[in-house]
Amino acid sequence: CRKYLIVNQEAFNHQKLELVINDAKAELEKRKEKFDIIVGDLADPVEGGPCYQLYTKSFYEKILKPRLTDDGIFVTQGFTHTGRFSLLFTTPLHKSSNMWLPTLLMCHL
């Protein structure tokens, strides 16, 4: 990350940062502590794809939500936000997270 994410290099030196590169589901299942922020750098939620299970109701309710503090947030990078493919990618995310998240904010940066 320090080598290739040039814009954010200094962020990786912050004392509160714990960078974990691992299978998201397995990592969250084994941990017991709660987090203020969980950032998921996930592949697109294409049905049958390697990350599709990380965009399901089961993942959010049973694995992700219990690992967040009461005010905690989950942030994931987006995918195309316009055009034909936006429904393919945003619908699974919106459907699954809307079941327990009080707020789902999608934005284009």
C-alpha atoms as a PDB file:
ATOM      1  CA  CYS A   1       0.000   0.000   0.000  1.00  0.00           C
ATOM      2  CA  ARG A   2       2.758   2.428   0.861  1.00  0.00           C
ATOM      3  CA  LYS A   3       4.467   1.749  -2.439  1.00  0.00           C
ATOM      4  CA  TYR A   4       1.501   1.995  -4.810  1.00  0.00           C
ATOM      5  CA  LEU A   5      -1.012   4.264  -3.074  1.00  0.00           C
ATOM      6  CA  ILE A   6       1.153   7.351  -3.376  1.00  0.00           C
ATOM      7  CA  VAL A   7      -1.511   9.910  -2.439  1.00  0.00           C
ATOM      8  CA  ASN A   8      -2.218   8.184   0.879  1.00  0.00           C
ATOM      9  CA  GLN A   9       1.271   7.014   1.819  1.00  0.00           C
ATOM     10  CA  GLU A  10       1.423   8.953   5.089  1.00  0.00           C
ATOM     11  CA  ALA A  11      -1.925   7.571   6.271  1.00  0.00           C
ATOM     12  CA  PHE A  12      -0.328   4.154   6.612  1.00  0.00           C
ATOM     13  CA  ASN A  13       2.031   5.524   9.280  1.00  0.00           C
ATOM     14  CA  HIS A  14      -0.778   6.617  11.629  1.00  0.00           C
ATOM     15  CA  GLN A  15      -0.478   4.985  15.047  1.00  0.00           C
ATOM     16  CA  LYS A  16      -4.173   4.017  15.153  1.00  0.00           C
ATOM     17  CA  LEU A  17      -4.149   2.282  11.787  1.00  0.00           C
ATOM     18  CA  GLU A  18      -4.119  -1.474  11.652  1.00  0.00           C
ATOM     19  CA  LEU A  19      -3.864  -2.568   8.047  1.00  0.00           C
ATOM     20  CA  VAL A  20      -5.112  -6.114   7.575  1.00  0.00           C
ATOM     21  CA  ILE A  21      -4.878  -7.800   4.209  1.00  0.00           C
ATOM     22  CA  ASN A  22      -6.776 -11.052   4.434  1.00  0.00           C
ATOM     23  CA  ASP A  23     -10.018 -12.769   3.542  1.00  0.00           C
ATOM     24  CA  ALA A  24     -12.605 -10.308   4.916  1.00  0.00           C
ATOM     25  CA  LYS A  25     -15.101 -12.906   6.075  1.00  0.00           C
ATOM     26  CA  ALA A  26     -12.495 -15.092   7.780  1.00  0.00           C
ATOM     27  CA  GLU A  27     -10.788 -12.121   9.441  1.00  0.00           C
ATOM     28  CA  LEU A  28     -14.000 -10.682  10.867  1.00  0.00           C
ATOM     29  CA  GLU A  29     -15.224 -14.095  12.040  1.00  0.00           C
ATOM     30  CA  LYS A  30     -12.075 -14.719  14.083  1.00  0.00           C
ATOM     31  CA  ARG A  31     -11.950 -11.271  15.704  1.00  0.00           C
ATOM     32  CA  LYS A  32     -13.985 -10.333  18.757  1.00  0.00           C
ATOM     33  CA  GLU A  33     -13.199  -6.620  19.097  1.00  0.00           C
ATOM     34  CA  LYS A  34     -15.386  -3.861  17.656  1.00  0.00           C
ATOM     35  CA  PHE A  35     -14.230  -1.240  15.193  1.00  0.00           C
ATOM     36  CA  ASP A  36     -15.161   2.383  14.570  1.00  0.00           C
ATOM     37  CA  ILE A  37     -14.456   1.999  10.858  1.00  0.00           C
ATOM     38  CA  ILE A  38     -14.166  -1.034   8.636  1.00  0.00           C
ATOM     39  CA  VAL A  39     -13.003  -0.371   5.090  1.00  0.00           C
ATOM     40  CA  GLY A  40     -13.727  -3.073   2.550  1.00  0.00           C
ATOM     41  CA  ASP A  41     -11.684  -2.909  -0.636  1.00  0.00           C
ATOM     42  CA  LEU A  42     -13.846  -5.521  -2.303  1.00  0.00           C
ATOM     43  CA  ALA A  43     -14.285  -6.753  -5.825  1.00  0.00           C
ATOM     44  CA  ASP A  44     -17.573  -5.928  -7.542  1.00  0.00           C
ATOM     45  CA  PRO A  45     -20.602  -7.886  -6.285  1.00  0.00           C
ATOM     46  CA  VAL A  46     -21.123  -9.950  -9.404  1.00  0.00           C
ATOM     47  CA  GLU A  47     -23.349 -12.927  -8.613  1.00  0.00           C
ATOM     48  CA  GLY A  48     -21.170 -16.011  -8.307  1.00  0.00           C
ATOM     49  CA  GLY A  49     -18.030 -13.856  -8.079  1.00  0.00           C
ATOM     50  CA  PRO A  50     -15.420 -14.118  -5.312  1.00  0.00           C
ATOM     51  CA  CYS A  51     -16.891 -11.288  -3.208  1.00  0.00           C
ATOM     52  CA  TYR A  52     -20.595 -11.774  -3.768  1.00  0.00           C
ATOM     53  CA  GLN A  53     -21.042 -13.326  -0.298  1.00  0.00           C
ATOM     54  CA  LEU A  54     -19.681 -10.096   1.209  1.00  0.00           C
ATOM     55  CA  TYR A  55     -22.701  -8.215  -0.149  1.00  0.00           C
ATOM     56  CA  THR A  56     -25.354 -10.460   1.384  1.00  0.00           C
ATOM     57  CA  LYS A  57     -27.762  -9.958   4.280  1.00  0.00           C
ATOM     58  CA  SER A  58     -26.073 -12.821   6.114  1.00  0.00           C
ATOM     59  CA  PHE A  59     -22.631 -11.204   5.915  1.00  0.00           C
ATOM     60  CA  TYR A  60     -23.894  -7.829   7.102  1.00  0.00           C
ATOM     61  CA  GLU A  61     -26.057  -9.137   9.953  1.00  0.00           C
ATOM     62  CA  LYS A  62     -23.946 -12.011  11.256  1.00  0.00           C
ATOM     63  CA  ILE A  63     -20.382 -10.961  10.549  1.00  0.00           C
ATOM     64  CA  LEU A  64     -19.961  -7.254   9.814  1.00  0.00           C
ATOM     65  CA  LYS A  65     -22.521  -5.566  12.072  1.00  0.00           C
ATOM     66  CA  PRO A  66     -21.352  -7.325  15.274  1.00  0.00           C
ATOM     67  CA  ARG A  67     -17.810  -6.051  14.619  1.00  0.00           C
ATOM     68  CA  LEU A  68     -18.881  -2.377  14.420  1.00  0.00           C
ATOM     69  CA  THR A  69     -19.276  -0.072  17.414  1.00  0.00           C
ATOM     70  CA  ASP A  70     -22.687   1.564  17.885  1.00  0.00           C
ATOM     71  CA  ASP A  71     -21.489   4.576  15.877  1.00  0.00           C
ATOM     72  CA  GLY A  72     -19.260   2.519  13.598  1.00  0.00           C
ATOM     73  CA  ILE A  73     -19.274   2.780   9.826  1.00  0.00           C
ATOM     74  CA  PHE A  74     -18.506   0.419   6.982  1.00  0.00           C
ATOM     75  CA  VAL A  75     -16.976   1.968   3.880  1.00  0.00           C
ATOM     76  CA  THR A  76     -16.430   0.202   0.605  1.00  0.00           C
ATOM     77  CA  GLN A  77     -15.207   1.490  -2.706  1.00  0.00           C
ATOM     78  CA  GLY A  78     -17.729   1.778  -5.425  1.00  0.00           C
ATOM     79  CA  PHE A  79     -18.141   0.538  -8.872  1.00  0.00           C
ATOM     80  CA  THR A  80     -19.694   2.169 -11.860  1.00  0.00           C
ATOM     81  CA  HIS A  81     -22.438   4.492 -10.671  1.00  0.00           C
ATOM     82  CA  THR A  82     -24.061   5.248 -13.998  1.00  0.00           C
ATOM     83  CA  GLY A  83     -25.205   3.316 -16.975  1.00  0.00           C
ATOM     84  CA  ARG A  84     -26.364  -0.215 -17.489  1.00  0.00           C
ATOM     85  CA  PHE A  85     -23.926  -1.829 -15.060  1.00  0.00           C
ATOM     86  CA  SER A  86     -24.840   0.317 -12.077  1.00  0.00           C
ATOM     87  CA  LEU A  87     -27.956  -1.743 -11.337  1.00  0.00           C
ATOM     88  CA  LEU A  88     -25.981  -4.986 -11.497  1.00  0.00           C
ATOM     89  CA  PHE A  89     -23.532  -3.760  -8.883  1.00  0.00           C
ATOM     90  CA  THR A  90     -25.460  -1.378  -6.666  1.00  0.00           C
ATOM     91  CA  THR A  91     -28.625  -3.443  -6.286  1.00  0.00           C
ATOM     92  CA  PRO A  92     -27.005  -6.270  -4.229  1.00  0.00           C
ATOM     93  CA  LEU A  93     -25.260  -3.717  -2.019  1.00  0.00           C
ATOM     94  CA  HIS A  94     -28.376  -1.624  -1.534  1.00  0.00           C
ATOM     95  CA  LYS A  95     -30.676  -4.602  -0.895  1.00  0.00           C
ATOM     96  CA  SER A  96     -28.440  -6.312   1.639  1.00  0.00           C
ATOM     97  CA  SER A  97     -27.218  -3.283   3.558  1.00  0.00           C
ATOM     98  CA  ASN A  98     -30.590  -1.556   3.643  1.00  0.00           C
ATOM     99  CA  MET A  99     -31.850  -4.408   5.820  1.00  0.00           C
ATOM    100  CA  TRP A 100     -29.893  -3.236   8.856  1.00  0.00           C
ATOM    101  CA  LEU A 101     -28.147   0.025   8.074  1.00  0.00           C
ATOM    102  CA  PRO A 102     -30.037   3.118   9.154  1.00  0.00           C
ATOM    103  CA  THR A 103     -28.344   5.039   6.348  1.00  0.00           C
ATOM    104  CA  LEU A 104     -26.851   3.984   3.048  1.00  0.00           C
ATOM    105  CA  LEU A 105     -25.082   6.786   1.255  1.00  0.00           C
ATOM    106  CA  MET A 106     -23.779   6.257  -2.241  1.00  0.00           C
ATOM    107  CA  CYS A 107     -21.620   8.973  -3.717  1.00  0.00           C
ATOM    108  CA  HIS A 108     -19.325   9.521  -6.642  1.00  0.00           C
ATOM    109  CA  LEU A 109     -15.882  10.907  -5.874  1.00  0.00           C
END
